PDBML (XML) file of the C-alpha atoms, coordinates in Angstrom:
<?xml version="1.0" encoding="UTF-8" ?>
<PDBx:datablock datablockName="MODEL"
   xmlns:PDBx="http://pdbml.pdb.org/schema/pdbx-v50.xsd"
   xmlns:xsi="http://www.w3.org/2001/XMLSchema-instance"
   xsi:schemaLocation="http://pdbml.pdb.org/schema/pdbx-v50.xsd pdbx-v50.xsd">
   <PDBx:atom_siteCategory>
      <PDBx:atom_site id="1">
         <PDBx:B_iso_or_equiv>0.00</PDBx:B_iso_or_equiv>
         <PDBx:Cartn_x>9.764</PDBx:Cartn_x>
         <PDBx:Cartn_y>2.634</PDBx:Cartn_y>
         <PDBx:Cartn_z>-4.422</PDBx:Cartn_z>
         <PDBx:auth_asym_id>A</PDBx:auth_asym_id>
         <PDBx:auth_atom_id>CA</PDBx:auth_atom_id>
         <PDBx:auth_comp_id>UNK</PDBx:auth_comp_id>
         <PDBx:auth_seq_id>1</PDBx:auth_seq_id>
         <PDBx:group_PDB>ATOM</PDBx:group_PDB>
         <PDBx:label_alt_id xsi:nil="true" />
         <PDBx:label_asym_id>A</PDBx:label_asym_id>
         <PDBx:label_atom_id>CA</PDBx:label_atom_id>
         <PDBx:label_comp_id>UNK</PDBx:label_comp_id>
         <PDBx:label_entity_id>1</PDBx:label_entity_id>
         <PDBx:label_seq_id>1</PDBx:label_seq_id>
         <PDBx:occupancy>1.00</PDBx:occupancy>
         <PDBx:pdbx_PDB_model_num>1</PDBx:pdbx_PDB_model_num>
         <PDBx:type_symbol>C</PDBx:type_symbol>
      </PDBx:atom_site>
      <PDBx:atom_site id="2">
         <PDBx:B_iso_or_equiv>0.00</PDBx:B_iso_or_equiv>
         <PDBx:Cartn_x>13.431</PDBx:Cartn_x>
         <PDBx:Cartn_y>2.122</PDBx:Cartn_y>
         <PDBx:Cartn_z>-5.346</PDBx:Cartn_z>
         <PDBx:auth_asym_id>A</PDBx:auth_asym_id>
         <PDBx:auth_atom_id>CA</PDBx:auth_atom_id>
         <PDBx:auth_comp_id>UNK</PDBx:auth_comp_id>
         <PDBx:auth_seq_id>2</PDBx:auth_seq_id>
         <PDBx:group_PDB>ATOM</PDBx:group_PDB>
         <PDBx:label_alt_id xsi:nil="true" />
         <PDBx:label_asym_id>A</PDBx:label_asym_id>
         <PDBx:label_atom_id>CA</PDBx:label_atom_id>
         <PDBx:label_comp_id>UNK</PDBx:label_comp_id>
         <PDBx:label_entity_id>1</PDBx:label_entity_id>
         <PDBx:label_seq_id>2</PDBx:label_seq_id>
         <PDBx:occupancy>1.00</PDBx:occupancy>
         <PDBx:pdbx_PDB_model_num>1</PDBx:pdbx_PDB_model_num>
         <PDBx:type_symbol>C</PDBx:type_symbol>
      </PDBx:atom_site>
      <PDBx:atom_site id="3">
         <PDBx:B_iso_or_equiv>0.00</PDBx:B_iso_or_equiv>
         <PDBx:Cartn_x>13.441</PDBx:Cartn_x>
         <PDBx:Cartn_y>-1.482</PDBx:Cartn_y>
         <PDBx:Cartn_z>-4.104</PDBx:Cartn_z>
         <PDBx:auth_asym_id>A</PDBx:auth_asym_id>
         <PDBx:auth_atom_id>CA</PDBx:auth_atom_id>
         <PDBx:auth_comp_id>UNK</PDBx:auth_comp_id>
         <PDBx:auth_seq_id>3</PDBx:auth_seq_id>
         <PDBx:group_PDB>ATOM</PDBx:group_PDB>
         <PDBx:label_alt_id xsi:nil="true" />
         <PDBx:label_asym_id>A</PDBx:label_asym_id>
         <PDBx:label_atom_id>CA</PDBx:label_atom_id>
         <PDBx:label_comp_id>UNK</PDBx:label_comp_id>
         <PDBx:label_entity_id>1</PDBx:label_entity_id>
         <PDBx:label_seq_id>3</PDBx:label_seq_id>
         <PDBx:occupancy>1.00</PDBx:occupancy>
         <PDBx:pdbx_PDB_model_num>1</PDBx:pdbx_PDB_model_num>
         <PDBx:type_symbol>C</PDBx:type_symbol>
      </PDBx:atom_site>
      <PDBx:atom_site id="4">
         <PDBx:B_iso_or_equiv>0.00</PDBx:B_iso_or_equiv>
         <PDBx:Cartn_x>9.847</PDBx:Cartn_x>
         <PDBx:Cartn_y>-2.358</PDBx:Cartn_y>
         <PDBx:Cartn_z>-4.993</PDBx:Cartn_z>
         <PDBx:auth_asym_id>A</PDBx:auth_asym_id>
         <PDBx:auth_atom_id>CA</PDBx:auth_atom_id>
         <PDBx:auth_comp_id>UNK</PDBx:auth_comp_id>
         <PDBx:auth_seq_id>4</PDBx:auth_seq_id>
         <PDBx:group_PDB>ATOM</PDBx:group_PDB>
         <PDBx:label_alt_id xsi:nil="true" />
         <PDBx:label_asym_id>A</PDBx:label_asym_id>
         <PDBx:label_atom_id>CA</PDBx:label_atom_id>
         <PDBx:label_comp_id>UNK</PDBx:label_comp_id>
         <PDBx:label_entity_id>1</PDBx:label_entity_id>
         <PDBx:label_seq_id>4</PDBx:label_seq_id>
         <PDBx:occupancy>1.00</PDBx:occupancy>
         <PDBx:pdbx_PDB_model_num>1</PDBx:pdbx_PDB_model_num>
         <PDBx:type_symbol>C</PDBx:type_symbol>
      </PDBx:atom_site>
      <PDBx:atom_site id="5">
         <PDBx:B_iso_or_equiv>0.00</PDBx:B_iso_or_equiv>
         <PDBx:Cartn_x>9.008</PDBx:Cartn_x>
         <PDBx:Cartn_y>-3.917</PDBx:Cartn_y>
         <PDBx:Cartn_z>-1.635</PDBx:Cartn_z>
         <PDBx:auth_asym_id>A</PDBx:auth_asym_id>
         <PDBx:auth_atom_id>CA</PDBx:auth_atom_id>
         <PDBx:auth_comp_id>UNK</PDBx:auth_comp_id>
         <PDBx:auth_seq_id>5</PDBx:auth_seq_id>
         <PDBx:group_PDB>ATOM</PDBx:group_PDB>
         <PDBx:label_alt_id xsi:nil="true" />
         <PDBx:label_asym_id>A</PDBx:label_asym_id>
         <PDBx:label_atom_id>CA</PDBx:label_atom_id>
         <PDBx:label_comp_id>UNK</PDBx:label_comp_id>
         <PDBx:label_entity_id>1</PDBx:label_entity_id>
         <PDBx:label_seq_id>5</PDBx:label_seq_id>
         <PDBx:occupancy>1.00</PDBx:occupancy>
         <PDBx:pdbx_PDB_model_num>1</PDBx:pdbx_PDB_model_num>
         <PDBx:type_symbol>C</PDBx:type_symbol>
      </PDBx:atom_site>
      <PDBx:atom_site id="6">
         <PDBx:B_iso_or_equiv>0.00</PDBx:B_iso_or_equiv>
         <PDBx:Cartn_x>7.615</PDBx:Cartn_x>
         <PDBx:Cartn_y>-3.042</PDBx:Cartn_y>
         <PDBx:Cartn_z>1.785</PDBx:Cartn_z>
         <PDBx:auth_asym_id>A</PDBx:auth_asym_id>
         <PDBx:auth_atom_id>CA</PDBx:auth_atom_id>
         <PDBx:auth_comp_id>UNK</PDBx:auth_comp_id>
         <PDBx:auth_seq_id>6</PDBx:auth_seq_id>
         <PDBx:group_PDB>ATOM</PDBx:group_PDB>
         <PDBx:label_alt_id xsi:nil="true" />
         <PDBx:label_asym_id>A</PDBx:label_asym_id>
         <PDBx:label_atom_id>CA</PDBx:label_atom_id>
         <PDBx:label_comp_id>UNK</PDBx:label_comp_id>
         <PDBx:label_entity_id>1</PDBx:label_entity_id>
         <PDBx:label_seq_id>6</PDBx:label_seq_id>
         <PDBx:occupancy>1.00</PDBx:occupancy>
         <PDBx:pdbx_PDB_model_num>1</PDBx:pdbx_PDB_model_num>
         <PDBx:type_symbol>C</PDBx:type_symbol>
      </PDBx:atom_site>
      <PDBx:atom_site id="7">
         <PDBx:B_iso_or_equiv>0.00</PDBx:B_iso_or_equiv>
         <PDBx:Cartn_x>5.533</PDBx:Cartn_x>
         <PDBx:Cartn_y>-4.489</PDBx:Cartn_y>
         <PDBx:Cartn_z>4.594</PDBx:Cartn_z>
         <PDBx:auth_asym_id>A</PDBx:auth_asym_id>
         <PDBx:auth_atom_id>CA</PDBx:auth_atom_id>
         <PDBx:auth_comp_id>UNK</PDBx:auth_comp_id>
         <PDBx:auth_seq_id>7</PDBx:auth_seq_id>
         <PDBx:group_PDB>ATOM</PDBx:group_PDB>
         <PDBx:label_alt_id xsi:nil="true" />
         <PDBx:label_asym_id>A</PDBx:label_asym_id>
         <PDBx:label_atom_id>CA</PDBx:label_atom_id>
         <PDBx:label_comp_id>UNK</PDBx:label_comp_id>
         <PDBx:label_entity_id>1</PDBx:label_entity_id>
         <PDBx:label_seq_id>7</PDBx:label_seq_id>
         <PDBx:occupancy>1.00</PDBx:occupancy>
         <PDBx:pdbx_PDB_model_num>1</PDBx:pdbx_PDB_model_num>
         <PDBx:type_symbol>C</PDBx:type_symbol>
      </PDBx:atom_site>
      <PDBx:atom_site id="8">
         <PDBx:B_iso_or_equiv>0.00</PDBx:B_iso_or_equiv>
         <PDBx:Cartn_x>1.757</PDBx:Cartn_x>
         <PDBx:Cartn_y>-4.634</PDBx:Cartn_y>
         <PDBx:Cartn_z>4.392</PDBx:Cartn_z>
         <PDBx:auth_asym_id>A</PDBx:auth_asym_id>
         <PDBx:auth_atom_id>CA</PDBx:auth_atom_id>
         <PDBx:auth_comp_id>UNK</PDBx:auth_comp_id>
         <PDBx:auth_seq_id>8</PDBx:auth_seq_id>
         <PDBx:group_PDB>ATOM</PDBx:group_PDB>
         <PDBx:label_alt_id xsi:nil="true" />
         <PDBx:label_asym_id>A</PDBx:label_asym_id>
         <PDBx:label_atom_id>CA</PDBx:label_atom_id>
         <PDBx:label_comp_id>UNK</PDBx:label_comp_id>
         <PDBx:label_entity_id>1</PDBx:label_entity_id>
         <PDBx:label_seq_id>8</PDBx:label_seq_id>
         <PDBx:occupancy>1.00</PDBx:occupancy>
         <PDBx:pdbx_PDB_model_num>1</PDBx:pdbx_PDB_model_num>
         <PDBx:type_symbol>C</PDBx:type_symbol>
      </PDBx:atom_site>
      <PDBx:atom_site id="9">
         <PDBx:B_iso_or_equiv>0.00</PDBx:B_iso_or_equiv>
         <PDBx:Cartn_x>1.148</PDBx:Cartn_x>
         <PDBx:Cartn_y>-1.747</PDBx:Cartn_y>
         <PDBx:Cartn_z>6.786</PDBx:Cartn_z>
         <PDBx:auth_asym_id>A</PDBx:auth_asym_id>
         <PDBx:auth_atom_id>CA</PDBx:auth_atom_id>
         <PDBx:auth_comp_id>UNK</PDBx:auth_comp_id>
         <PDBx:auth_seq_id>9</PDBx:auth_seq_id>
         <PDBx:group_PDB>ATOM</PDBx:group_PDB>
         <PDBx:label_alt_id xsi:nil="true" />
         <PDBx:label_asym_id>A</PDBx:label_asym_id>
         <PDBx:label_atom_id>CA</PDBx:label_atom_id>
         <PDBx:label_comp_id>UNK</PDBx:label_comp_id>
         <PDBx:label_entity_id>1</PDBx:label_entity_id>
         <PDBx:label_seq_id>9</PDBx:label_seq_id>
         <PDBx:occupancy>1.00</PDBx:occupancy>
         <PDBx:pdbx_PDB_model_num>1</PDBx:pdbx_PDB_model_num>
         <PDBx:type_symbol>C</PDBx:type_symbol>
      </PDBx:atom_site>
      <PDBx:atom_site id="10">
         <PDBx:B_iso_or_equiv>0.00</PDBx:B_iso_or_equiv>
         <PDBx:Cartn_x>3.317</PDBx:Cartn_x>
         <PDBx:Cartn_y>0.562</PDBx:Cartn_y>
         <PDBx:Cartn_z>4.689</PDBx:Cartn_z>
         <PDBx:auth_asym_id>A</PDBx:auth_asym_id>
         <PDBx:auth_atom_id>CA</PDBx:auth_atom_id>
         <PDBx:auth_comp_id>UNK</PDBx:auth_comp_id>
         <PDBx:auth_seq_id>10</PDBx:auth_seq_id>
         <PDBx:group_PDB>ATOM</PDBx:group_PDB>
         <PDBx:label_alt_id xsi:nil="true" />
         <PDBx:label_asym_id>A</PDBx:label_asym_id>
         <PDBx:label_atom_id>CA</PDBx:label_atom_id>
         <PDBx:label_comp_id>UNK</PDBx:label_comp_id>
         <PDBx:label_entity_id>1</PDBx:label_entity_id>
         <PDBx:label_seq_id>10</PDBx:label_seq_id>
         <PDBx:occupancy>1.00</PDBx:occupancy>
         <PDBx:pdbx_PDB_model_num>1</PDBx:pdbx_PDB_model_num>
         <PDBx:type_symbol>C</PDBx:type_symbol>
      </PDBx:atom_site>
      <PDBx:atom_site id="11">
         <PDBx:B_iso_or_equiv>0.00</PDBx:B_iso_or_equiv>
         <PDBx:Cartn_x>1.590</PDBx:Cartn_x>
         <PDBx:Cartn_y>-0.630</PDBx:Cartn_y>
         <PDBx:Cartn_z>1.509</PDBx:Cartn_z>
         <PDBx:auth_asym_id>A</PDBx:auth_asym_id>
         <PDBx:auth_atom_id>CA</PDBx:auth_atom_id>
         <PDBx:auth_comp_id>UNK</PDBx:auth_comp_id>
         <PDBx:auth_seq_id>11</PDBx:auth_seq_id>
         <PDBx:group_PDB>ATOM</PDBx:group_PDB>
         <PDBx:label_alt_id xsi:nil="true" />
         <PDBx:label_asym_id>A</PDBx:label_asym_id>
         <PDBx:label_atom_id>CA</PDBx:label_atom_id>
         <PDBx:label_comp_id>UNK</PDBx:label_comp_id>
         <PDBx:label_entity_id>1</PDBx:label_entity_id>
         <PDBx:label_seq_id>11</PDBx:label_seq_id>
         <PDBx:occupancy>1.00</PDBx:occupancy>
         <PDBx:pdbx_PDB_model_num>1</PDBx:pdbx_PDB_model_num>
         <PDBx:type_symbol>C</PDBx:type_symbol>
      </PDBx:atom_site>
      <PDBx:atom_site id="12">
         <PDBx:B_iso_or_equiv>0.00</PDBx:B_iso_or_equiv>
         <PDBx:Cartn_x>-1.861</PDBx:Cartn_x>
         <PDBx:Cartn_y>0.063</PDBx:Cartn_y>
         <PDBx:Cartn_z>2.977</PDBx:Cartn_z>
         <PDBx:auth_asym_id>A</PDBx:auth_asym_id>
         <PDBx:auth_atom_id>CA</PDBx:auth_atom_id>
         <PDBx:auth_comp_id>UNK</PDBx:auth_comp_id>
         <PDBx:auth_seq_id>12</PDBx:auth_seq_id>
         <PDBx:group_PDB>ATOM</PDBx:group_PDB>
         <PDBx:label_alt_id xsi:nil="true" />
         <PDBx:label_asym_id>A</PDBx:label_asym_id>
         <PDBx:label_atom_id>CA</PDBx:label_atom_id>
         <PDBx:label_comp_id>UNK</PDBx:label_comp_id>
         <PDBx:label_entity_id>1</PDBx:label_entity_id>
         <PDBx:label_seq_id>12</PDBx:label_seq_id>
         <PDBx:occupancy>1.00</PDBx:occupancy>
         <PDBx:pdbx_PDB_model_num>1</PDBx:pdbx_PDB_model_num>
         <PDBx:type_symbol>C</PDBx:type_symbol>
      </PDBx:atom_site>
      <PDBx:atom_site id="13">
         <PDBx:B_iso_or_equiv>0.00</PDBx:B_iso_or_equiv>
         <PDBx:Cartn_x>-0.881</PDBx:Cartn_x>
         <PDBx:Cartn_y>3.570</PDBx:Cartn_y>
         <PDBx:Cartn_z>4.060</PDBx:Cartn_z>
         <PDBx:auth_asym_id>A</PDBx:auth_asym_id>
         <PDBx:auth_atom_id>CA</PDBx:auth_atom_id>
         <PDBx:auth_comp_id>UNK</PDBx:auth_comp_id>
         <PDBx:auth_seq_id>13</PDBx:auth_seq_id>
         <PDBx:group_PDB>ATOM</PDBx:group_PDB>
         <PDBx:label_alt_id xsi:nil="true" />
         <PDBx:label_asym_id>A</PDBx:label_asym_id>
         <PDBx:label_atom_id>CA</PDBx:label_atom_id>
         <PDBx:label_comp_id>UNK</PDBx:label_comp_id>
         <PDBx:label_entity_id>1</PDBx:label_entity_id>
         <PDBx:label_seq_id>13</PDBx:label_seq_id>
         <PDBx:occupancy>1.00</PDBx:occupancy>
         <PDBx:pdbx_PDB_model_num>1</PDBx:pdbx_PDB_model_num>
         <PDBx:type_symbol>C</PDBx:type_symbol>
      </PDBx:atom_site>
      <PDBx:atom_site id="14">
         <PDBx:B_iso_or_equiv>0.00</PDBx:B_iso_or_equiv>
         <PDBx:Cartn_x>0.713</PDBx:Cartn_x>
         <PDBx:Cartn_y>4.327</PDBx:Cartn_y>
         <PDBx:Cartn_z>0.680</PDBx:Cartn_z>
         <PDBx:auth_asym_id>A</PDBx:auth_asym_id>
         <PDBx:auth_atom_id>CA</PDBx:auth_atom_id>
         <PDBx:auth_comp_id>UNK</PDBx:auth_comp_id>
         <PDBx:auth_seq_id>14</PDBx:auth_seq_id>
         <PDBx:group_PDB>ATOM</PDBx:group_PDB>
         <PDBx:label_alt_id xsi:nil="true" />
         <PDBx:label_asym_id>A</PDBx:label_asym_id>
         <PDBx:label_atom_id>CA</PDBx:label_atom_id>
         <PDBx:label_comp_id>UNK</PDBx:label_comp_id>
         <PDBx:label_entity_id>1</PDBx:label_entity_id>
         <PDBx:label_seq_id>14</PDBx:label_seq_id>
         <PDBx:occupancy>1.00</PDBx:occupancy>
         <PDBx:pdbx_PDB_model_num>1</PDBx:pdbx_PDB_model_num>
         <PDBx:type_symbol>C</PDBx:type_symbol>
      </PDBx:atom_site>
      <PDBx:atom_site id="15">
         <PDBx:B_iso_or_equiv>0.00</PDBx:B_iso_or_equiv>
         <PDBx:Cartn_x>-2.478</PDBx:Cartn_x>
         <PDBx:Cartn_y>3.215</PDBx:Cartn_y>
         <PDBx:Cartn_z>-1.049</PDBx:Cartn_z>
         <PDBx:auth_asym_id>A</PDBx:auth_asym_id>
         <PDBx:auth_atom_id>CA</PDBx:auth_atom_id>
         <PDBx:auth_comp_id>UNK</PDBx:auth_comp_id>
         <PDBx:auth_seq_id>15</PDBx:auth_seq_id>
         <PDBx:group_PDB>ATOM</PDBx:group_PDB>
         <PDBx:label_alt_id xsi:nil="true" />
         <PDBx:label_asym_id>A</PDBx:label_asym_id>
         <PDBx:label_atom_id>CA</PDBx:label_atom_id>
         <PDBx:label_comp_id>UNK</PDBx:label_comp_id>
         <PDBx:label_entity_id>1</PDBx:label_entity_id>
         <PDBx:label_seq_id>15</PDBx:label_seq_id>
         <PDBx:occupancy>1.00</PDBx:occupancy>
         <PDBx:pdbx_PDB_model_num>1</PDBx:pdbx_PDB_model_num>
         <PDBx:type_symbol>C</PDBx:type_symbol>
      </PDBx:atom_site>
      <PDBx:atom_site id="16">
         <PDBx:B_iso_or_equiv>0.00</PDBx:B_iso_or_equiv>
         <PDBx:Cartn_x>-4.482</PDBx:Cartn_x>
         <PDBx:Cartn_y>5.548</PDBx:Cartn_y>
         <PDBx:Cartn_z>1.191</PDBx:Cartn_z>
         <PDBx:auth_asym_id>A</PDBx:auth_asym_id>
         <PDBx:auth_atom_id>CA</PDBx:auth_atom_id>
         <PDBx:auth_comp_id>UNK</PDBx:auth_comp_id>
         <PDBx:auth_seq_id>16</PDBx:auth_seq_id>
         <PDBx:group_PDB>ATOM</PDBx:group_PDB>
         <PDBx:label_alt_id xsi:nil="true" />
         <PDBx:label_asym_id>A</PDBx:label_asym_id>
         <PDBx:label_atom_id>CA</PDBx:label_atom_id>
         <PDBx:label_comp_id>UNK</PDBx:label_comp_id>
         <PDBx:label_entity_id>1</PDBx:label_entity_id>
         <PDBx:label_seq_id>16</PDBx:label_seq_id>
         <PDBx:occupancy>1.00</PDBx:occupancy>
         <PDBx:pdbx_PDB_model_num>1</PDBx:pdbx_PDB_model_num>
         <PDBx:type_symbol>C</PDBx:type_symbol>
      </PDBx:atom_site>
      <PDBx:atom_site id="17">
         <PDBx:B_iso_or_equiv>0.00</PDBx:B_iso_or_equiv>
         <PDBx:Cartn_x>-2.141</PDBx:Cartn_x>
         <PDBx:Cartn_y>8.399</PDBx:Cartn_y>
         <PDBx:Cartn_z>0.196</PDBx:Cartn_z>
         <PDBx:auth_asym_id>A</PDBx:auth_asym_id>
         <PDBx:auth_atom_id>CA</PDBx:auth_atom_id>
         <PDBx:auth_comp_id>UNK</PDBx:auth_comp_id>
         <PDBx:auth_seq_id>17</PDBx:auth_seq_id>
         <PDBx:group_PDB>ATOM</PDBx:group_PDB>
         <PDBx:label_alt_id xsi:nil="true" />
         <PDBx:label_asym_id>A</PDBx:label_asym_id>
         <PDBx:label_atom_id>CA</PDBx:label_atom_id>
         <PDBx:label_comp_id>UNK</PDBx:label_comp_id>
         <PDBx:label_entity_id>1</PDBx:label_entity_id>
         <PDBx:label_seq_id>17</PDBx:label_seq_id>
         <PDBx:occupancy>1.00</PDBx:occupancy>
         <PDBx:pdbx_PDB_model_num>1</PDBx:pdbx_PDB_model_num>
         <PDBx:type_symbol>C</PDBx:type_symbol>
      </PDBx:atom_site>
      <PDBx:atom_site id="18">
         <PDBx:B_iso_or_equiv>0.00</PDBx:B_iso_or_equiv>
         <PDBx:Cartn_x>-3.528</PDBx:Cartn_x>
         <PDBx:Cartn_y>8.186</PDBx:Cartn_y>
         <PDBx:Cartn_z>-3.339</PDBx:Cartn_z>
         <PDBx:auth_asym_id>A</PDBx:auth_asym_id>
         <PDBx:auth_atom_id>CA</PDBx:auth_atom_id>
         <PDBx:auth_comp_id>UNK</PDBx:auth_comp_id>
         <PDBx:auth_seq_id>18</PDBx:auth_seq_id>
         <PDBx:group_PDB>ATOM</PDBx:group_PDB>
         <PDBx:label_alt_id xsi:nil="true" />
         <PDBx:label_asym_id>A</PDBx:label_asym_id>
         <PDBx:label_atom_id>CA</PDBx:label_atom_id>
         <PDBx:label_comp_id>UNK</PDBx:label_comp_id>
         <PDBx:label_entity_id>1</PDBx:label_entity_id>
         <PDBx:label_seq_id>18</PDBx:label_seq_id>
         <PDBx:occupancy>1.00</PDBx:occupancy>
         <PDBx:pdbx_PDB_model_num>1</PDBx:pdbx_PDB_model_num>
         <PDBx:type_symbol>C</PDBx:type_symbol>
      </PDBx:atom_site>
      <PDBx:atom_site id="19">
         <PDBx:B_iso_or_equiv>0.00</PDBx:B_iso_or_equiv>
         <PDBx:Cartn_x>-7.149</PDBx:Cartn_x>
         <PDBx:Cartn_y>7.578</PDBx:Cartn_y>
         <PDBx:Cartn_z>-2.297</PDBx:Cartn_z>
         <PDBx:auth_asym_id>A</PDBx:auth_asym_id>
         <PDBx:auth_atom_id>CA</PDBx:auth_atom_id>
         <PDBx:auth_comp_id>UNK</PDBx:auth_comp_id>
         <PDBx:auth_seq_id>19</PDBx:auth_seq_id>
         <PDBx:group_PDB>ATOM</PDBx:group_PDB>
         <PDBx:label_alt_id xsi:nil="true" />
         <PDBx:label_asym_id>A</PDBx:label_asym_id>
         <PDBx:label_atom_id>CA</PDBx:label_atom_id>
         <PDBx:label_comp_id>UNK</PDBx:label_comp_id>
         <PDBx:label_entity_id>1</PDBx:label_entity_id>
         <PDBx:label_seq_id>19</PDBx:label_seq_id>
         <PDBx:occupancy>1.00</PDBx:occupancy>
         <PDBx:pdbx_PDB_model_num>1</PDBx:pdbx_PDB_model_num>
         <PDBx:type_symbol>C</PDBx:type_symbol>
      </PDBx:atom_site>
      <PDBx:atom_site id="20">
         <PDBx:B_iso_or_equiv>0.00</PDBx:B_iso_or_equiv>
         <PDBx:Cartn_x>-7.053</PDBx:Cartn_x>
         <PDBx:Cartn_y>3.772</PDBx:Cartn_y>
         <PDBx:Cartn_z>-2.679</PDBx:Cartn_z>
         <PDBx:auth_asym_id>A</PDBx:auth_asym_id>
         <PDBx:auth_atom_id>CA</PDBx:auth_atom_id>
         <PDBx:auth_comp_id>UNK</PDBx:auth_comp_id>
         <PDBx:auth_seq_id>20</PDBx:auth_seq_id>
         <PDBx:group_PDB>ATOM</PDBx:group_PDB>
         <PDBx:label_alt_id xsi:nil="true" />
         <PDBx:label_asym_id>A</PDBx:label_asym_id>
         <PDBx:label_atom_id>CA</PDBx:label_atom_id>
         <PDBx:label_comp_id>UNK</PDBx:label_comp_id>
         <PDBx:label_entity_id>1</PDBx:label_entity_id>
         <PDBx:label_seq_id>20</PDBx:label_seq_id>
         <PDBx:occupancy>1.00</PDBx:occupancy>
         <PDBx:pdbx_PDB_model_num>1</PDBx:pdbx_PDB_model_num>
         <PDBx:type_symbol>C</PDBx:type_symbol>
      </PDBx:atom_site>
      <PDBx:atom_site id="21">
         <PDBx:B_iso_or_equiv>0.00</PDBx:B_iso_or_equiv>
         <PDBx:Cartn_x>-7.708</PDBx:Cartn_x>
         <PDBx:Cartn_y>0.898</PDBx:Cartn_y>
         <PDBx:Cartn_z>-0.307</PDBx:Cartn_z>
         <PDBx:auth_asym_id>A</PDBx:auth_asym_id>
         <PDBx:auth_atom_id>CA</PDBx:auth_atom_id>
         <PDBx:auth_comp_id>UNK</PDBx:auth_comp_id>
         <PDBx:auth_seq_id>21</PDBx:auth_seq_id>
         <PDBx:group_PDB>ATOM</PDBx:group_PDB>
         <PDBx:label_alt_id xsi:nil="true" />
         <PDBx:label_asym_id>A</PDBx:label_asym_id>
         <PDBx:label_atom_id>CA</PDBx:label_atom_id>
         <PDBx:label_comp_id>UNK</PDBx:label_comp_id>
         <PDBx:label_entity_id>1</PDBx:label_entity_id>
         <PDBx:label_seq_id>21</PDBx:label_seq_id>
         <PDBx:occupancy>1.00</PDBx:occupancy>
         <PDBx:pdbx_PDB_model_num>1</PDBx:pdbx_PDB_model_num>
         <PDBx:type_symbol>C</PDBx:type_symbol>
      </PDBx:atom_site>
      <PDBx:atom_site id="22">
         <PDBx:B_iso_or_equiv>0.00</PDBx:B_iso_or_equiv>
         <PDBx:Cartn_x>-7.386</PDBx:Cartn_x>
         <PDBx:Cartn_y>-2.864</PDBx:Cartn_y>
         <PDBx:Cartn_z>-0.423</PDBx:Cartn_z>
         <PDBx:auth_asym_id>A</PDBx:auth_asym_id>
         <PDBx:auth_atom_id>CA</PDBx:auth_atom_id>
         <PDBx:auth_comp_id>UNK</PDBx:auth_comp_id>
         <PDBx:auth_seq_id>22</PDBx:auth_seq_id>
         <PDBx:group_PDB>ATOM</PDBx:group_PDB>
         <PDBx:label_alt_id xsi:nil="true" />
         <PDBx:label_asym_id>A</PDBx:label_asym_id>
         <PDBx:label_atom_id>CA</PDBx:label_atom_id>
         <PDBx:label_comp_id>UNK</PDBx:label_comp_id>
         <PDBx:label_entity_id>1</PDBx:label_entity_id>
         <PDBx:label_seq_id>22</PDBx:label_seq_id>
         <PDBx:occupancy>1.00</PDBx:occupancy>
         <PDBx:pdbx_PDB_model_num>1</PDBx:pdbx_PDB_model_num>
         <PDBx:type_symbol>C</PDBx:type_symbol>
      </PDBx:atom_site>
      <PDBx:atom_site id="23">
         <PDBx:B_iso_or_equiv>0.00</PDBx:B_iso_or_equiv>
         <PDBx:Cartn_x>-10.251</PDBx:Cartn_x>
         <PDBx:Cartn_y>-5.333</PDBx:Cartn_y>
         <PDBx:Cartn_z>-0.403</PDBx:Cartn_z>
         <PDBx:auth_asym_id>A</PDBx:auth_asym_id>
         <PDBx:auth_atom_id>CA</PDBx:auth_atom_id>
         <PDBx:auth_comp_id>UNK</PDBx:auth_comp_id>
         <PDBx:auth_seq_id>23</PDBx:auth_seq_id>
         <PDBx:group_PDB>ATOM</PDBx:group_PDB>
         <PDBx:label_alt_id xsi:nil="true" />
         <PDBx:label_asym_id>A</PDBx:label_asym_id>
         <PDBx:label_atom_id>CA</PDBx:label_atom_id>
         <PDBx:label_comp_id>UNK</PDBx:label_comp_id>
         <PDBx:label_entity_id>1</PDBx:label_entity_id>
         <PDBx:label_seq_id>23</PDBx:label_seq_id>
         <PDBx:occupancy>1.00</PDBx:occupancy>
         <PDBx:pdbx_PDB_model_num>1</PDBx:pdbx_PDB_model_num>
         <PDBx:type_symbol>C</PDBx:type_symbol>
      </PDBx:atom_site>
      <PDBx:atom_site id="24">
         <PDBx:B_iso_or_equiv>0.00</PDBx:B_iso_or_equiv>
         <PDBx:Cartn_x>-10.024</PDBx:Cartn_x>
         <PDBx:Cartn_y>-9.058</PDBx:Cartn_y>
         <PDBx:Cartn_z>0.121</PDBx:Cartn_z>
         <PDBx:auth_asym_id>A</PDBx:auth_asym_id>
         <PDBx:auth_atom_id>CA</PDBx:auth_atom_id>
         <PDBx:auth_comp_id>UNK</PDBx:auth_comp_id>
         <PDBx:auth_seq_id>24</PDBx:auth_seq_id>
         <PDBx:group_PDB>ATOM</PDBx:group_PDB>
         <PDBx:label_alt_id xsi:nil="true" />
         <PDBx:label_asym_id>A</PDBx:label_asym_id>
         <PDBx:label_atom_id>CA</PDBx:label_atom_id>
         <PDBx:label_comp_id>UNK</PDBx:label_comp_id>
         <PDBx:label_entity_id>1</PDBx:label_entity_id>
         <PDBx:label_seq_id>24</PDBx:label_seq_id>
         <PDBx:occupancy>1.00</PDBx:occupancy>
         <PDBx:pdbx_PDB_model_num>1</PDBx:pdbx_PDB_model_num>
         <PDBx:type_symbol>C</PDBx:type_symbol>
      </PDBx:atom_site>
      <PDBx:atom_site id="25">
         <PDBx:B_iso_or_equiv>0.00</PDBx:B_iso_or_equiv>
         <PDBx:Cartn_x>-12.222</PDBx:Cartn_x>
         <PDBx:Cartn_y>-11.323</PDBx:Cartn_y>
         <PDBx:Cartn_z>-1.984</PDBx:Cartn_z>
         <PDBx:auth_asym_id>A</PDBx:auth_asym_id>
         <PDBx:auth_atom_id>CA</PDBx:auth_atom_id>
         <PDBx:auth_comp_id>UNK</PDBx:auth_comp_id>
         <PDBx:auth_seq_id>25</PDBx:auth_seq_id>
         <PDBx:group_PDB>ATOM</PDBx:group_PDB>
         <PDBx:label_alt_id xsi:nil="true" />
         <PDBx:label_asym_id>A</PDBx:label_asym_id>
         <PDBx:label_atom_id>CA</PDBx:label_atom_id>
         <PDBx:label_comp_id>UNK</PDBx:label_comp_id>
         <PDBx:label_entity_id>1</PDBx:label_entity_id>
         <PDBx:label_seq_id>25</PDBx:label_seq_id>
         <PDBx:occupancy>1.00</PDBx:occupancy>
         <PDBx:pdbx_PDB_model_num>1</PDBx:pdbx_PDB_model_num>
         <PDBx:type_symbol>C</PDBx:type_symbol>
      </PDBx:atom_site>
   </PDBx:atom_siteCategory>
</PDBx:datablock>
C-alpha cells in the first residue's frame, strides 16, 4: 500500500480480503 504496487496473486488475495474478486471481460 505504501508503494502502490504488487504482483497479481497478492492483488487477488487483497481483493478477497474485502469481499471482492476480479473478472475478465
